[in-house]
C-alpha atoms as a PDB file:
ATOM      1  CA  MET A   1     -26.205   5.533 -21.017  1.00  0.00           C
ATOM      2  CA  PRO A   2     -22.987   3.858 -19.598  1.00  0.00           C
ATOM      3  CA  ASP A   3     -22.545   0.142 -18.930  1.00  0.00           C
ATOM      4  CA  PRO A   4     -22.431  -0.844 -14.953  1.00  0.00           C
ATOM      5  CA  ARG A   5     -19.627  -2.924 -15.759  1.00  0.00           C
ATOM      6  CA  ASP A   6     -17.559  -0.272 -17.036  1.00  0.00           C
ATOM      7  CA  ARG A   7     -17.510   0.969 -13.467  1.00  0.00           C
ATOM      8  CA  LYS A   8     -15.774  -1.668 -11.541  1.00  0.00           C
ATOM      9  CA  SER A   9     -12.851  -1.511 -13.601  1.00  0.00           C
ATOM     10  CA  ARG A  10     -12.287   2.223 -13.094  1.00  0.00           C
ATOM     11  CA  VAL A  11      -9.842   3.053 -10.615  1.00  0.00           C
ATOM     12  CA  PRO A  12     -10.206   6.424  -8.805  1.00  0.00           C
ATOM     13  CA  LEU A  13      -7.706   9.231  -9.988  1.00  0.00           C
ATOM     14  CA  LEU A  14      -4.264   8.857  -7.785  1.00  0.00           C
ATOM     15  CA  ASP A  15      -3.835  11.369  -5.394  1.00  0.00           C
ATOM     16  CA  ALA A  16      -0.883  11.723  -2.832  1.00  0.00           C
ATOM     17  CA  LEU A  17      -1.713   8.949  -0.790  1.00  0.00           C
ATOM     18  CA  GLY A  18      -3.044   6.810  -3.823  1.00  0.00           C
ATOM     19  CA  LYS A  19       0.497   7.040  -5.266  1.00  0.00           C
ATOM     20  CA  LEU A  20       2.671   6.312  -2.053  1.00  0.00           C
ATOM     21  CA  ILE A  21       0.346   3.003  -1.725  1.00  0.00           C
ATOM     22  CA  THR A  22       1.144   2.141  -5.739  1.00  0.00           C
ATOM     23  CA  ASP A  23       4.469   2.854  -5.456  1.00  0.00           C
ATOM     24  CA  GLY A  24       4.793   1.013  -1.931  1.00  0.00           C
ATOM     25  CA  LYS A  25       2.998  -2.060  -3.581  1.00  0.00           C
ATOM     26  CA  GLN A  26       5.483  -2.192  -6.954  1.00  0.00           C
ATOM     27  CA  SER A  27       8.313  -2.225  -4.598  1.00  0.00           C
ATOM     28  CA  ALA A  28       6.733  -4.801  -2.422  1.00  0.00           C
ATOM     29  CA  ASP A  29       6.143  -6.937  -5.489  1.00  0.00           C
ATOM     30  CA  TYR A  30       9.788  -6.372  -6.773  1.00  0.00           C
ATOM     31  CA  LEU A  31      10.919  -7.809  -3.550  1.00  0.00           C
ATOM     32  CA  TRP A  32       9.591 -11.227  -4.813  1.00  0.00           C
ATOM     33  CA  GLN A  33      12.586 -11.115  -7.230  1.00  0.00           C
ATOM     34  CA  VAL A  34      15.022  -9.752  -4.857  1.00  0.00           C
ATOM     35  CA  PRO A  35      14.157 -10.278  -1.488  1.00  0.00           C
ATOM     36  CA  GLY A  36      17.242  -9.045   0.186  1.00  0.00           C
ATOM     37  CA  ASP A  37      17.610  -5.575  -1.769  1.00  0.00           C
ATOM     38  CA  GLN A  38      18.100  -3.159   1.010  1.00  0.00           C
ATOM     39  CA  ALA A  39      17.773   0.137  -0.947  1.00  0.00           C
ATOM     40  CA  GLU A  40      14.442  -1.199  -2.195  1.00  0.00           C
ATOM     41  CA  ARG A  41      13.801  -2.087   1.578  1.00  0.00           C
ATOM     42  CA  ALA A  42      14.839   1.563   2.589  1.00  0.00           C
ATOM     43  CA  LYS A  43      12.588   3.006  -0.179  1.00  0.00           C
ATOM     44  CA  ILE A  44       9.565   1.009   1.257  1.00  0.00           C
ATOM     45  CA  ALA A  45      10.118   2.178   4.909  1.00  0.00           C
ATOM     46  CA  THR A  46      10.692   6.037   3.938  1.00  0.00           C
ATOM     47  CA  LEU A  47       6.710   5.265   1.720  1.00  0.00           C
ATOM     48  CA  LEU A  48       5.075   3.576   4.795  1.00  0.00           C
ATOM     49  CA  ASP A  49       6.301   6.599   7.220  1.00  0.00           C
ATOM     50  CA  GLN A  50       4.658   8.902   4.194  1.00  0.00           C
ATOM     51  CA  ILE A  51       1.455   6.433   4.070  1.00  0.00           C
ATOM     52  CA  ILE A  52       1.068   6.519   7.710  1.00  0.00           C
ATOM     53  CA  ALA A  53       1.715  10.309   8.181  1.00  0.00           C
ATOM     54  CA  GLU A  54      -1.052  11.068   5.216  1.00  0.00           C
ATOM     55  CA  SER A  55      -3.375   8.812   6.259  1.00  0.00           C
ATOM     56  CA  ALA A  56      -3.659  10.230   9.504  1.00  0.00           C
ATOM     57  CA  LYS A  57      -3.765  13.721   8.186  1.00  0.00           C
ATOM     58  CA  GLN A  58      -6.924  12.534   6.130  1.00  0.00           C
ATOM     59  CA  GLY A  59      -8.586  10.852   9.323  1.00  0.00           C
ATOM     60  CA  ARG A  60      -7.874   7.224   8.101  1.00  0.00           C
ATOM     61  CA  LYS A  61      -8.007   5.003  11.213  1.00  0.00           C
ATOM     62  CA  GLU A  62      -7.062   1.762   9.546  1.00  0.00           C
ATOM     63  CA  MET A  63      -4.585   2.625   7.637  1.00  0.00           C
ATOM     64  CA  PRO A  64      -1.879   3.953  10.017  1.00  0.00           C
ATOM     65  CA  LYS A  65      -2.442   0.776  11.840  1.00  0.00           C
ATOM     66  CA  ILE A  66      -1.651  -1.207   8.440  1.00  0.00           C
ATOM     67  CA  GLY A  67       1.349   0.808   7.884  1.00  0.00           C
ATOM     68  CA  GLU A  68       3.103   0.523  11.355  1.00  0.00           C
ATOM     69  CA  GLU A  69       2.199  -3.444  11.061  1.00  0.00           C
ATOM     70  CA  LEU A  70       4.045  -3.310   7.676  1.00  0.00           C
ATOM     71  CA  LYS A  71       6.820  -1.297   8.732  1.00  0.00           C
ATOM     72  CA  ILE A  72       7.533  -4.258  11.461  1.00  0.00           C
ATOM     73  CA  ALA A  73       7.095  -6.881   9.257  1.00  0.00           C
ATOM     74  CA  LEU A  74       9.698  -5.120   7.149  1.00  0.00           C
ATOM     75  CA  LYS A  75      12.323  -5.492   9.786  1.00  0.00           C
ATOM     76  CA  ALA A  76      12.136  -9.208   9.924  1.00  0.00           C
ATOM     77  CA  SER A  77      14.450 -11.287   7.948  1.00  0.00           C
ATOM     78  CA  PRO A  78      13.863 -11.653   3.997  1.00  0.00           C
ATOM     79  CA  SER A  79      11.832 -14.607   3.311  1.00  0.00           C
ATOM     80  CA  PRO A  80       9.014 -15.251   0.831  1.00  0.00           C
ATOM     81  CA  GLN A  81       6.591 -15.134   3.843  1.00  0.00           C
ATOM     82  CA  GLN A  82       7.811 -11.960   4.804  1.00  0.00           C
ATOM     83  CA  VAL A  83       7.469 -10.135   1.054  1.00  0.00           C
ATOM     84  CA  ASP A  84       4.014 -11.738   1.178  1.00  0.00           C
ATOM     85  CA  MET A  85       2.994 -10.290   4.459  1.00  0.00           C
ATOM     86  CA  LEU A  86       4.580  -6.686   2.729  1.00  0.00           C
ATOM     87  CA  VAL A  87       2.340  -7.180  -0.707  1.00  0.00           C
ATOM     88  CA  ASN A  88      -0.838  -8.481   1.137  1.00  0.00           C
ATOM     89  CA  GLY A  89      -0.870  -5.373   3.562  1.00  0.00           C
ATOM     90  CA  PHE A  90      -0.052  -3.066   0.208  1.00  0.00           C
ATOM     91  CA  ASP A  91      -3.121  -4.535  -1.236  1.00  0.00           C
ATOM     92  CA  ARG A  92      -5.081  -4.158   2.058  1.00  0.00           C
ATOM     93  CA  LEU A  93      -4.353  -0.167   2.081  1.00  0.00           C
ATOM     94  CA  LEU A  94      -5.060   0.001  -1.651  1.00  0.00           C
ATOM     95  CA  GLN A  95      -8.324  -1.630  -1.519  1.00  0.00           C
ATOM     96  CA  LEU A  96      -9.176   0.860   1.412  1.00  0.00           C
ATOM     97  CA  TRP A  97      -7.899   3.775  -0.388  1.00  0.00           C
ATOM     98  CA  GLU A  98      -9.931   2.818  -3.334  1.00  0.00           C
ATOM     99  CA  ALA A  99     -12.758   1.996  -0.965  1.00  0.00           C
ATOM    100  CA  ALA A 100     -12.668   6.167   0.343  1.00  0.00           C
ATOM    101  CA  LYS A 101     -12.249   7.476  -3.033  1.00  0.00           C
ATOM    102  CA  SER A 102     -15.093   5.468  -4.555  1.00  0.00           C
ATOM    103  CA  GLY A 103     -17.460   6.711  -2.024  1.00  0.00           C
ATOM    104  CA  LEU A 104     -17.670   3.684   0.090  1.00  0.00           C
ATOM    105  CA  LEU A 105     -15.933   4.713   3.359  1.00  0.00           C
END
């Protein structure tokens, strides 16, 4: 019989939206080291556009709103607070995606 504790650590297989979100999270985490990296910021902006489009296509309501909030935050001057907002936003997106994939939403 499978151990129920194993289920908690199991992340659903990444679909296109999950991959976009994890890529965005990695880029946001990278900004902790180099907050002013314009190439990385442009990559995040592109990923956010794709996340908004893909999540809307899947009928998600909250994810596009979070994506729009993150696009606004991305336009602010690079700072630890701004990077923190981006990282937390991608964490929220990932939690929503995982909940939807596990059947909770």
